[in-house]
Amino acid sequence: MTGSPSPLVLVHGFYHGSWCWSEVVLELAASGRIAVAVDVAGHGLRARLPHAANVRPFDSAAFASEPSPIAEAGLDAAADLLIEQITRVGHGAPVTVVAHSMGGAVLTRAAEQAPQLMAHLVYLTAYMPASGVPCIAYPSLPEARESQFMPLLAGDPLAIGAMRVDTGTDDPRLRAGIRQAFYGDVDEHVAAAATALLSCDAPTAMATESTTLTQSGWGSIGRTFVTCSQDRTIPLALQRLFITQADEAFPANPTRVVELECSHAPFLSMPGKVAEIVATLP
């Protein structure tokens, strides 16, 4: 219909899949806005598990050392897939894309490569890396000191090609760590169901590779950053650093900021509010 808003494309972060947006998609549909959630390379239906993940009895040493079957899924592969998905959803016209967590790095690469396909960029407590800076550089910064994510990792991410988490663990301490890092304010039953759906591998290459940003590419597209004040994976201070770096690099195109009081997964803890924020965008 002429004059109708563009479709929304929803991009998940590490370990998740398009499933995590189901409640937001429902809320958007109720408001009359079309939205499509997609799987990122190496995730969702494209996930591939190491053999050791399913062997019983579980061998933690084998799990921590087995090379990842999705190690080759870097930013180029992820961005190419996202561009293909966006093109199909929008039939070649610009669409608004909402990215969560490490999905932000994929969106950044895709937007730099195909800015003509992007009506607006939304970073929902997502990585919005500066030009030439890999996401893996950020967890060691002072702004990330409150993050509870890195201790969850099993094995050496550079050696096995994945940032691996034993998401199927029965260790109560690790399960509590996953809950606190990802789902701090999510209903406990919903959090347990979501944890059961997580994949265990996320490609290290997506975190070690970087994107060079240009004024005519990523810098030309309007963007919104939705901060989540209780996030324990990407702390608020780090979220604010992303915004500051972007605005310093592209001062003529400042970031619109919306604030939420929630943890790392507002698509589960407050899907109606997330839908309300993105439904009004181009």
Foldseek 3Di string as FASTA:
>chain_A
DPPDAAAEEEEEAAQAALVLLVLLQVLLVVVVGHYHYGGFQCYDVNPDADPQLPDPVRDLVCRQQAAGPRLVRALVNRLVVVLVVLCVRRVNAAHEYEYAALSLLSVLQNQQVCVRRHQEYEYELYDLDFFPAFQVVPCVDPLLVLALPQVQAGYDCVNRQWRFGSLVDPPVVSLVSVCQQAPVQFDPVVSNVRSVSTGGTDGCNHRPGGHGHDCVTSVVHAYEYEAECSHRHQHRSNSVVSQVSSCVVRVVRHYHYHYDHGYRRCSRNPSNVVSVVPSPGD
